[in-house]
Amino acid sequence: MPIEIRELVIKVTVTEEQKKVSQLKELQEIKNELIKKCVEQVMTRLESLPER
């Protein structure tokens, strides 16, 4: 004998805060690494310039 479902209630709780925090930390690490590399390159170029 078939069963008829007249109403189906689905409750879901979505938490993206933890994911956002994790992504923000990762993004900050990438930014810091990029800044570090840029500073190193600038310092290398400055050291190679003749002094005035």
Protein backbone atom coordinates (compact mmCIF):
# COMPACT_ATOMS: atom_id res chain seq x y z
CA MET A 1 0.00 0.00 0.00
CA PRO A 2 1.54 3.41 -1.00
CA ILE A 3 2.02 6.21 1.52
CA GLU A 4 1.06 9.77 0.64
CA ILE A 5 3.15 12.57 2.11
CA ARG A 6 1.10 15.73 2.34
CA GLU A 7 3.64 17.93 4.01
CA LEU A 8 7.39 17.67 4.37
CA VAL A 9 9.24 20.02 6.69
CA ILE A 10 13.01 20.28 6.44
CA LYS A 11 14.92 22.46 8.89
CA VAL A 12 18.52 23.39 8.21
CA THR A 13 20.99 25.54 10.04
CA VAL A 14 23.78 26.95 7.90
CA THR A 15 26.79 28.45 9.57
CA GLU A 16 29.20 30.16 7.25
CA GLU A 17 30.98 32.16 9.91
CA GLN A 18 33.60 29.51 10.55
CA LYS A 19 34.23 29.17 6.85
CA LYS A 20 34.54 32.93 6.47
CA VAL A 21 36.99 33.17 9.34
CA SER A 22 39.08 30.40 7.85
CA GLN A 23 39.03 32.05 4.43
CA LEU A 24 39.95 35.41 5.94
CA LYS A 25 42.93 33.91 7.73
CA GLU A 26 44.08 32.22 4.55
CA LEU A 27 43.63 35.42 2.57
CA GLN A 28 45.59 37.38 5.17
CA GLU A 29 48.43 34.85 5.00
CA ILE A 30 48.53 35.16 1.21
CA LYS A 31 48.59 38.96 1.48
CA ASN A 32 51.39 38.85 4.03
CA GLU A 33 53.45 36.53 1.83
CA LEU A 34 52.93 38.79 -1.19
CA ILE A 35 53.95 41.88 0.79
CA LYS A 36 57.03 40.10 2.10
CA LYS A 37 58.13 39.11 -1.40
CA CYS A 38 57.54 42.63 -2.72
CA VAL A 39 59.57 44.17 0.08
CA GLU A 40 62.41 41.72 -0.53
CA GLN A 41 62.48 42.62 -4.23
CA VAL A 42 62.43 46.35 -3.51
CA MET A 43 65.25 46.00 -0.97
CA THR A 44 67.30 43.95 -3.44
CA ARG A 45 66.88 46.62 -6.12
CA LEU A 46 67.69 49.41 -3.70
CA GLU A 47 70.87 47.65 -2.62
CA SER A 48 71.97 47.25 -6.24
CA LEU A 49 71.58 50.98 -6.99
CA PRO A 50 74.71 53.07 -6.76
CA GLU A 51 74.82 55.33 -3.74
CA ARG A 52 74.67 59.09 -4.23
